Amino acid sequence: MRAFRKRLWALGRMDRAVPPGLLASLTYRSRRGERRVKHVEDGELKRSHSVQGVYRPAPESAAAMVALVAG
């Protein structure tokens, strides 16, 4: 995840909002396997602890995020 954040920061697009549909569909890989972001209600992340301890986005989610910040 740290490398992914650095890549997003390098693209200079930390000002983009994640669309509700994309936020609800993001999948991450952790030690336990792939999982979706929890606590997404009405297109908003209600609790940030659901993404703590996440190591890297799944390939499809990483590609969607890169497409989002690329414009």
N, C-alpha and C. Protein backbone atom coordinates (compact mmCIF):
# COMPACT_ATOMS: atom_id res chain seq x y z
N MET A 1 0.83 -1.19 0.00
CA MET A 1 0.00 0.00 0.00
C MET A 1 0.87 1.25 0.00
N ARG A 2 1.98 1.21 0.72
CA ARG A 2 2.85 2.37 0.77
C ARG A 2 3.35 2.74 -0.62
N ALA A 3 3.75 1.73 -1.41
CA ALA A 3 4.21 1.99 -2.77
C ALA A 3 3.08 2.54 -3.62
N PHE A 4 1.87 2.05 -3.40
CA PHE A 4 0.71 2.53 -4.15
C PHE A 4 0.44 4.00 -3.82
N ARG A 5 0.51 4.37 -2.53
CA ARG A 5 0.30 5.77 -2.14
C ARG A 5 1.38 6.66 -2.73
N LYS A 6 2.61 6.18 -2.73
CA LYS A 6 3.68 6.97 -3.32
C LYS A 6 3.43 7.18 -4.81
N ARG A 7 2.92 6.16 -5.48
CA ARG A 7 2.63 6.28 -6.91
C ARG A 7 1.51 7.30 -7.15
N LEU A 8 0.47 7.25 -6.32
CA LEU A 8 -0.61 8.23 -6.45
C LEU A 8 -0.09 9.63 -6.17
N TRP A 9 0.75 9.75 -5.14
CA TRP A 9 1.31 11.06 -4.80
C TRP A 9 2.17 11.57 -5.96
N ALA A 10 2.94 10.69 -6.58
CA ALA A 10 3.80 11.08 -7.70
C ALA A 10 2.96 11.57 -8.88
N LEU A 11 1.77 11.02 -9.04
CA LEU A 11 0.88 11.47 -10.11
C LEU A 11 0.28 12.84 -9.79
N GLY A 12 0.39 13.26 -8.54
CA GLY A 12 -0.08 14.58 -8.15
C GLY A 12 -1.58 14.72 -8.11
N ARG A 13 -2.31 13.64 -7.85
CA ARG A 13 -3.77 13.69 -7.89
C ARG A 13 -4.39 13.28 -6.57
N MET A 14 -3.85 13.74 -5.49
CA MET A 14 -4.42 13.42 -4.18
C MET A 14 -5.68 14.23 -3.92
N ASP A 15 -6.09 15.09 -4.86
CA ASP A 15 -7.26 15.93 -4.68
C ASP A 15 -8.52 15.32 -5.28
N ARG A 16 -8.42 14.17 -5.89
CA ARG A 16 -9.58 13.54 -6.54
C ARG A 16 -10.42 12.78 -5.53
N ALA A 17 -11.73 12.95 -5.64
CA ALA A 17 -12.65 12.16 -4.83
C ALA A 17 -12.89 10.82 -5.51
N VAL A 18 -13.00 9.79 -4.73
CA VAL A 18 -13.29 8.46 -5.27
C VAL A 18 -14.79 8.36 -5.47
N PRO A 19 -15.26 8.06 -6.69
CA PRO A 19 -16.69 7.92 -6.93
C PRO A 19 -17.31 6.84 -6.04
N PRO A 20 -18.56 7.04 -5.61
CA PRO A 20 -19.19 6.07 -4.71
C PRO A 20 -19.17 4.64 -5.23
N GLY A 21 -19.42 4.45 -6.51
CA GLY A 21 -19.42 3.09 -7.06
C GLY A 21 -18.06 2.44 -6.99
N LEU A 22 -17.02 3.21 -7.24
CA LEU A 22 -15.66 2.68 -7.17
C LEU A 22 -15.28 2.37 -5.73
N LEU A 23 -15.64 3.25 -4.81
CA LEU A 23 -15.32 3.02 -3.40
C LEU A 23 -15.96 1.72 -2.91
N ALA A 24 -17.20 1.49 -3.30
CA ALA A 24 -17.91 0.28 -2.87
C ALA A 24 -17.33 -0.98 -3.49
N SER A 25 -16.66 -0.86 -4.63
CA SER A 25 -16.14 -2.05 -5.31
C SER A 25 -14.66 -2.30 -5.08
N LEU A 26 -13.97 -1.41 -4.37
CA LEU A 26 -12.53 -1.61 -4.14
C LEU A 26 -12.27 -2.89 -3.37
N THR A 27 -11.29 -3.64 -3.83
CA THR A 27 -10.91 -4.90 -3.20
C THR A 27 -9.44 -4.83 -2.85
N TYR A 28 -9.11 -5.28 -1.64
CA TYR A 28 -7.73 -5.25 -1.16
C TYR A 28 -7.26 -6.65 -0.83
N ARG A 29 -5.95 -6.83 -0.91
CA ARG A 29 -5.34 -8.10 -0.51
C ARG A 29 -4.70 -7.90 0.85
N SER A 30 -5.04 -8.77 1.76
CA SER A 30 -4.41 -8.77 3.07
C SER A 30 -3.87 -10.17 3.31
N ARG A 31 -3.36 -10.40 4.46
CA ARG A 31 -2.85 -11.74 4.78
C ARG A 31 -3.96 -12.79 4.75
N ARG A 32 -5.16 -12.34 4.98
CA ARG A 32 -6.31 -13.26 5.01
C ARG A 32 -6.93 -13.49 3.63
N GLY A 33 -6.45 -12.79 2.62
CA GLY A 33 -7.00 -12.93 1.28
C GLY A 33 -7.59 -11.62 0.79
N GLU A 34 -8.37 -11.69 -0.27
CA GLU A 34 -8.97 -10.47 -0.81
C GLU A 34 -10.25 -10.15 -0.06
N ARG A 35 -10.47 -8.84 0.10
CA ARG A 35 -11.70 -8.39 0.77
C ARG A 35 -12.08 -7.01 0.26
N ARG A 36 -13.34 -6.70 0.39
CA ARG A 36 -13.84 -5.37 0.03
C ARG A 36 -13.69 -4.43 1.22
N VAL A 37 -13.73 -3.14 0.93
CA VAL A 37 -13.69 -2.13 1.99
C VAL A 37 -15.03 -2.20 2.74
N LYS A 38 -14.96 -2.27 4.05
CA LYS A 38 -16.18 -2.31 4.87
C LYS A 38 -16.57 -0.89 5.26
N HIS A 39 -17.76 -0.77 5.76
CA HIS A 39 -18.30 0.48 6.30
C HIS A 39 -18.46 1.56 5.24
N VAL A 40 -18.85 1.16 4.03
CA VAL A 40 -19.19 2.12 2.99
C VAL A 40 -20.71 2.21 2.96
N GLU A 41 -21.22 3.40 3.27
CA GLU A 41 -22.65 3.64 3.31
C GLU A 41 -22.97 4.86 2.48
N ASP A 42 -23.90 4.73 1.56
CA ASP A 42 -24.32 5.84 0.71
C ASP A 42 -23.13 6.47 -0.02
N GLY A 43 -22.18 5.63 -0.42
CA GLY A 43 -21.04 6.13 -1.17
C GLY A 43 -19.96 6.80 -0.34
N GLU A 44 -20.05 6.71 0.98
CA GLU A 44 -19.06 7.33 1.86
C GLU A 44 -18.45 6.29 2.78
N LEU A 45 -17.16 6.46 3.05
CA LEU A 45 -16.47 5.61 4.01
C LEU A 45 -16.78 6.14 5.40
N LYS A 46 -17.52 5.38 6.18
CA LYS A 46 -17.96 5.85 7.49
C LYS A 46 -16.92 5.63 8.58
N ARG A 47 -16.10 4.59 8.42
CA ARG A 47 -15.07 4.30 9.42
C ARG A 47 -13.78 3.94 8.70
N SER A 48 -12.73 4.65 8.99
CA SER A 48 -11.47 4.42 8.29
C SER A 48 -10.74 3.19 8.77
N HIS A 49 -11.11 2.65 9.92
CA HIS A 49 -10.37 1.49 10.42
C HIS A 49 -10.55 0.27 9.54
N SER A 50 -11.52 0.30 8.64
CA SER A 50 -11.70 -0.84 7.74
C SER A 50 -10.59 -0.94 6.71
N VAL A 51 -9.82 0.12 6.52
CA VAL A 51 -8.71 0.07 5.56
C VAL A 51 -7.35 0.06 6.26
N GLN A 52 -7.34 0.07 7.57
CA GLN A 52 -6.07 -0.01 8.29
C GLN A 52 -5.55 -1.43 8.25
N GLY A 53 -4.26 -1.58 8.04
CA GLY A 53 -3.66 -2.90 7.96
C GLY A 53 -3.75 -3.51 6.58
N VAL A 54 -4.25 -2.75 5.63
CA VAL A 54 -4.35 -3.23 4.25
C VAL A 54 -2.99 -3.07 3.59
N TYR A 55 -2.55 -4.09 2.90
CA TYR A 55 -1.21 -4.03 2.34
C TYR A 55 -1.17 -3.56 0.90
N ARG A 56 -2.09 -4.03 0.07
CA ARG A 56 -2.07 -3.60 -1.33
C ARG A 56 -3.43 -3.83 -1.97
N PRO A 57 -3.77 -2.98 -2.93
CA PRO A 57 -5.05 -3.19 -3.62
C PRO A 57 -4.95 -4.38 -4.56
N ALA A 58 -6.08 -5.01 -4.80
CA ALA A 58 -6.13 -6.09 -5.80
C ALA A 58 -5.82 -5.47 -7.17
N PRO A 59 -5.32 -6.24 -8.11
CA PRO A 59 -4.93 -5.69 -9.42
C PRO A 59 -6.03 -4.87 -10.10
N GLU A 60 -7.27 -5.34 -10.05
CA GLU A 60 -8.36 -4.61 -10.69
C GLU A 60 -8.61 -3.27 -10.00
N SER A 61 -8.53 -3.25 -8.69
CA SER A 61 -8.74 -2.01 -7.95
C SER A 61 -7.59 -1.05 -8.17
N ALA A 62 -6.36 -1.57 -8.24
CA ALA A 62 -5.21 -0.71 -8.50
C ALA A 62 -5.33 -0.06 -9.85
N ALA A 63 -5.75 -0.82 -10.85
CA ALA A 63 -5.91 -0.26 -12.20
C ALA A 63 -7.01 0.80 -12.22
N ALA A 64 -8.10 0.57 -11.49
CA ALA A 64 -9.18 1.55 -11.44
C ALA A 64 -8.74 2.83 -10.76
N MET A 65 -7.95 2.71 -9.70
CA MET A 65 -7.46 3.91 -9.01
C MET A 65 -6.46 4.69 -9.86
N VAL A 66 -5.60 3.98 -10.56
CA VAL A 66 -4.65 4.66 -11.44
C VAL A 66 -5.38 5.38 -12.56
N ALA A 67 -6.42 4.74 -13.11
CA ALA A 67 -7.23 5.38 -14.15
C ALA A 67 -7.93 6.62 -13.60
N LEU A 68 -8.39 6.55 -12.36
CA LEU A 68 -9.06 7.69 -11.74
C LEU A 68 -8.11 8.88 -11.61
N VAL A 69 -6.92 8.65 -11.10
CA VAL A 69 -6.01 9.77 -10.90
C VAL A 69 -5.36 10.25 -12.19
N ALA A 70 -5.32 9.38 -13.19
CA ALA A 70 -4.73 9.78 -14.47
C ALA A 70 -5.67 10.70 -15.25
N GLY A 71 -6.93 10.67 -14.91
CA GLY A 71 -7.86 11.59 -15.57
C GLY A 71 -8.76 10.87 -16.46
